[in-house]
């Protein structure tokens, strides 16, 4: 089975590689703008499906994986900061608060008329952070391409008081526990026991 990750994210590629399945990556080229009144969970689900569907339309025989993560404090969505100033503002806003991460995964195969998705919620409770700690963190890790302005798989773990959720890989950007179940529904046994 031809498996395609509808993403060029190095983080998602590294996560998917953990499942030890052959795959290739293709950029989905989808508009990731938030729709008016759209909740973070709905936005995450819609974008994961849109990414998978965009690539599946070009590769109908393939099993296409789409994923999207939306970080929010309440209904305020925090995207990728892009630069130091925005990252500092995001971490300052997160300090001492709960940030919710809605990470969706979608699996689409057009030739088999297969389409499934899952939304995983993961909550990060941030420590109270002083400006100096935020600056030190950002200068050391530079997470400007990460929603929420941190890398939990690196030094970013020091920003938290606690983490709550079923699947820690969802915080990194691709919920592998849910994906493994979706792949099984599509006939792909990750452990190869069928």
Protein backbone atom coordinates (compact mmCIF):
# COMPACT_ATOMS: atom_id res chain seq x y z
CA UNK A 1 0.00 0.00 0.00
CA UNK A 2 1.29 3.42 -0.99
CA UNK A 3 1.18 5.60 2.14
CA UNK A 4 1.49 9.36 1.78
CA UNK A 5 1.83 11.90 4.55
CA UNK A 6 0.06 15.07 3.40
CA UNK A 7 2.68 17.26 5.04
CA UNK A 8 6.26 18.36 4.62
CA UNK A 9 6.63 18.99 8.36
CA UNK A 10 9.87 17.45 9.62
CA UNK A 11 8.18 16.92 13.01
CA UNK A 12 5.32 14.90 11.52
CA UNK A 13 7.71 12.93 9.32
CA UNK A 14 9.79 11.98 12.37
CA UNK A 15 6.66 10.95 14.27
CA UNK A 16 5.28 8.82 11.42
CA UNK A 17 8.70 7.18 10.98
CA UNK A 18 8.27 5.71 14.48
CA UNK A 19 5.64 3.34 13.05
CA UNK A 20 8.29 1.89 10.71
CA UNK A 21 6.04 1.96 7.65
CA UNK A 22 7.32 3.08 4.25
CA UNK A 23 5.80 6.44 3.31
CA UNK A 24 6.45 9.54 1.30
CA UNK A 25 5.54 13.15 1.99
CA UNK A 26 3.69 15.56 -0.27
CA UNK A 27 2.71 19.14 0.52
CA UNK A 28 -1.10 19.42 0.54
CA UNK A 29 -1.25 23.12 -0.45
CA UNK A 30 -4.44 23.90 1.48
CA UNK A 31 -5.65 27.20 2.88
CA UNK A 32 -5.26 27.00 6.67
CA UNK A 33 -7.28 30.11 7.54
CA UNK A 34 -9.79 29.89 10.36
CA UNK A 35 -13.43 30.19 9.34
CA UNK A 36 -15.63 32.73 11.16
CA UNK A 37 -16.95 31.30 14.43
CA UNK A 38 -15.06 28.02 13.97
CA UNK A 39 -14.07 26.25 17.19
CA UNK A 40 -10.46 25.07 17.58
CA UNK A 41 -11.52 21.39 17.46
CA UNK A 42 -13.64 21.91 14.33
CA UNK A 43 -10.85 23.86 12.64
CA UNK A 44 -8.32 21.12 13.40
CA UNK A 45 -10.61 18.38 12.05
CA UNK A 46 -11.53 20.34 8.91
CA UNK A 47 -7.89 21.10 8.07
CA UNK A 48 -6.67 17.53 8.66
CA UNK A 49 -9.38 16.24 6.31
CA UNK A 50 -8.73 18.97 3.74
CA UNK A 51 -5.02 18.15 3.63
CA UNK A 52 -5.64 14.42 3.22
CA UNK A 53 -8.36 14.98 0.60
CA UNK A 54 -6.18 17.40 -1.42
CA UNK A 55 -3.39 14.84 -1.80
CA UNK A 56 -5.80 11.90 -2.24
CA UNK A 57 -7.43 13.71 -5.18
CA UNK A 58 -4.08 13.55 -7.01
CA UNK A 59 -3.13 10.07 -5.71
CA UNK A 60 -6.46 8.16 -5.51
CA UNK A 61 -4.82 4.73 -5.00
CA UNK A 62 -2.80 5.87 -1.99
CA UNK A 63 -3.66 5.87 1.69
CA UNK A 64 -3.20 9.51 2.63
CA UNK A 65 -2.61 10.82 6.14
CA UNK A 66 -3.53 14.41 6.97
CA UNK A 67 -2.98 16.09 10.31
CA UNK A 68 -3.47 19.49 11.86
CA UNK A 69 -2.95 20.96 15.30
CA UNK A 70 -4.71 23.98 16.76
CA UNK A 71 -3.49 25.44 20.05
CA UNK A 72 -5.85 27.64 22.02
CA UNK A 73 -6.38 29.45 25.27
CA UNK A 74 -10.15 29.41 25.55
CA UNK A 75 -11.37 30.18 22.02
CA UNK A 76 -8.29 32.26 21.16
CA UNK A 77 -6.28 30.29 18.61
CA UNK A 78 -2.48 30.46 18.71
CA UNK A 79 -0.84 29.65 15.42
CA UNK A 80 2.82 29.22 14.58
CA UNK A 81 4.54 32.36 15.85
CA UNK A 82 6.95 32.79 12.91
CA UNK A 83 9.35 35.02 14.84
CA UNK A 84 10.84 35.77 18.24
CA UNK A 85 8.48 38.60 19.17
CA UNK A 86 5.32 36.60 18.47
CA UNK A 87 6.73 33.53 20.24
CA UNK A 88 7.51 35.62 23.32
CA UNK A 89 3.95 37.02 23.32
CA UNK A 90 2.47 33.49 23.03
CA UNK A 91 4.54 32.11 25.90
CA UNK A 92 3.79 35.15 28.07
CA UNK A 93 0.06 34.64 27.40
CA UNK A 94 0.39 30.92 28.24
CA UNK A 95 2.30 31.44 31.50
CA UNK A 96 0.38 30.04 34.47
CA UNK A 97 -2.51 28.93 32.22
CA UNK A 98 -3.90 25.87 30.49
CA UNK A 99 -3.37 25.66 26.75
CA UNK A 100 -5.49 23.15 24.85
CA UNK A 101 -4.16 21.37 21.79
CA UNK A 102 -6.64 19.85 19.35
CA UNK A 103 -4.64 17.57 17.09
CA UNK A 104 -6.53 15.85 14.31
CA UNK A 105 -5.53 13.02 12.05
CA UNK A 106 -7.41 11.98 8.92
CA UNK A 107 -6.94 8.94 6.72
CA UNK A 108 -8.27 8.95 3.16
CA UNK A 109 -8.11 6.50 0.26
CA UNK A 110 -10.30 7.54 -2.66
CA UNK A 111 -10.18 4.26 -4.59
CA UNK A 112 -11.54 2.39 -1.54
CA UNK A 113 -13.98 5.17 -0.60
CA UNK A 114 -12.28 5.23 2.81
CA UNK A 115 -12.33 8.36 4.97
CA UNK A 116 -11.84 8.46 8.73
CA UNK A 117 -10.63 11.05 11.22
CA UNK A 118 -9.94 11.51 14.91
CA UNK A 119 -9.49 14.63 17.07
CA UNK A 120 -7.22 14.24 20.10
CA UNK A 121 -7.35 16.77 22.95
CA UNK A 122 -4.21 17.34 24.99
CA UNK A 123 -3.84 19.99 27.70
CA UNK A 124 -0.60 21.65 28.74
CA UNK A 125 -0.56 23.47 32.07
CA UNK A 126 2.20 26.08 31.91
CA UNK A 127 4.31 27.15 34.84
CA UNK A 128 4.27 30.84 35.74
CA UNK A 129 7.04 32.19 33.49
CA UNK A 130 9.13 35.32 33.92
CA UNK A 131 10.30 37.25 30.85
CA UNK A 132 13.89 36.15 31.46
CA UNK A 133 12.93 32.45 31.41
CA UNK A 134 10.93 32.95 28.22
CA UNK A 135 13.85 34.76 26.55
CA UNK A 136 16.33 32.07 27.62
CA UNK A 137 14.08 29.34 26.30
CA UNK A 138 13.41 31.04 22.95
CA UNK A 139 17.08 31.83 22.33
CA UNK A 140 18.07 28.23 23.05
CA UNK A 141 15.36 26.36 21.11
CA UNK A 142 13.89 28.90 18.63
CA UNK A 143 10.50 27.14 18.22
CA UNK A 144 9.17 29.71 15.75
CA UNK A 145 7.57 27.07 13.50
CA UNK A 146 5.65 25.38 16.34
CA UNK A 147 2.07 26.11 17.43
CA UNK A 148 2.25 27.38 21.00
CA UNK A 149 5.93 28.39 20.63
CA UNK A 150 7.57 25.33 22.20
CA UNK A 151 8.97 21.88 21.45
CA UNK A 152 7.81 19.48 24.15
CA UNK A 153 10.22 16.84 22.84
CA UNK A 154 13.07 19.21 23.72
CA UNK A 155 13.70 21.87 26.36
CA UNK A 156 10.07 22.98 26.11
CA UNK A 157 9.14 20.27 28.61
CA UNK A 158 10.56 22.59 31.32
CA UNK A 159 7.78 25.12 30.60
CA UNK A 160 5.05 22.89 32.04
CA UNK A 161 3.66 22.12 35.48
CA UNK A 162 1.81 19.12 34.09
CA UNK A 163 0.44 17.59 30.92
CA UNK A 164 -2.94 15.89 30.52
CA UNK A 165 -3.93 13.64 27.68
CA UNK A 166 -4.14 10.15 26.28
CA UNK A 167 -1.52 10.42 23.56
CA UNK A 168 1.66 12.46 24.11
CA UNK A 169 2.50 12.31 20.40
CA UNK A 170 -0.55 14.48 19.75
CA UNK A 171 1.24 17.34 21.51
CA UNK A 172 4.11 16.89 19.04
CA UNK A 173 1.72 17.13 16.07
CA UNK A 174 0.56 13.65 15.01
CA UNK A 175 -1.47 11.41 17.35
CA UNK A 176 0.10 8.02 16.68
CA UNK A 177 -2.20 6.01 18.95
CA UNK A 178 -5.26 7.20 17.00
CA UNK A 179 -3.43 6.85 13.68
CA UNK A 180 -2.53 3.24 14.45
CA UNK A 181 -6.23 2.48 15.00
CA UNK A 182 -7.24 4.26 11.78
CA UNK A 183 -4.58 2.37 9.83
CA UNK A 184 -5.92 -0.91 11.22
CA UNK A 185 -9.41 0.02 9.97
CA UNK A 186 -7.85 0.57 6.54
CA UNK A 187 -6.21 -2.87 6.67
CA UNK A 188 -2.68 -1.76 7.65
CA UNK A 189 -1.46 -3.60 10.73
CA UNK A 190 1.49 -1.63 12.09
CA UNK A 191 2.80 -4.63 14.04
CA UNK A 192 2.34 -6.93 11.05
CA UNK A 193 0.52 -9.68 12.92
CA UNK A 194 -2.42 -10.09 10.53
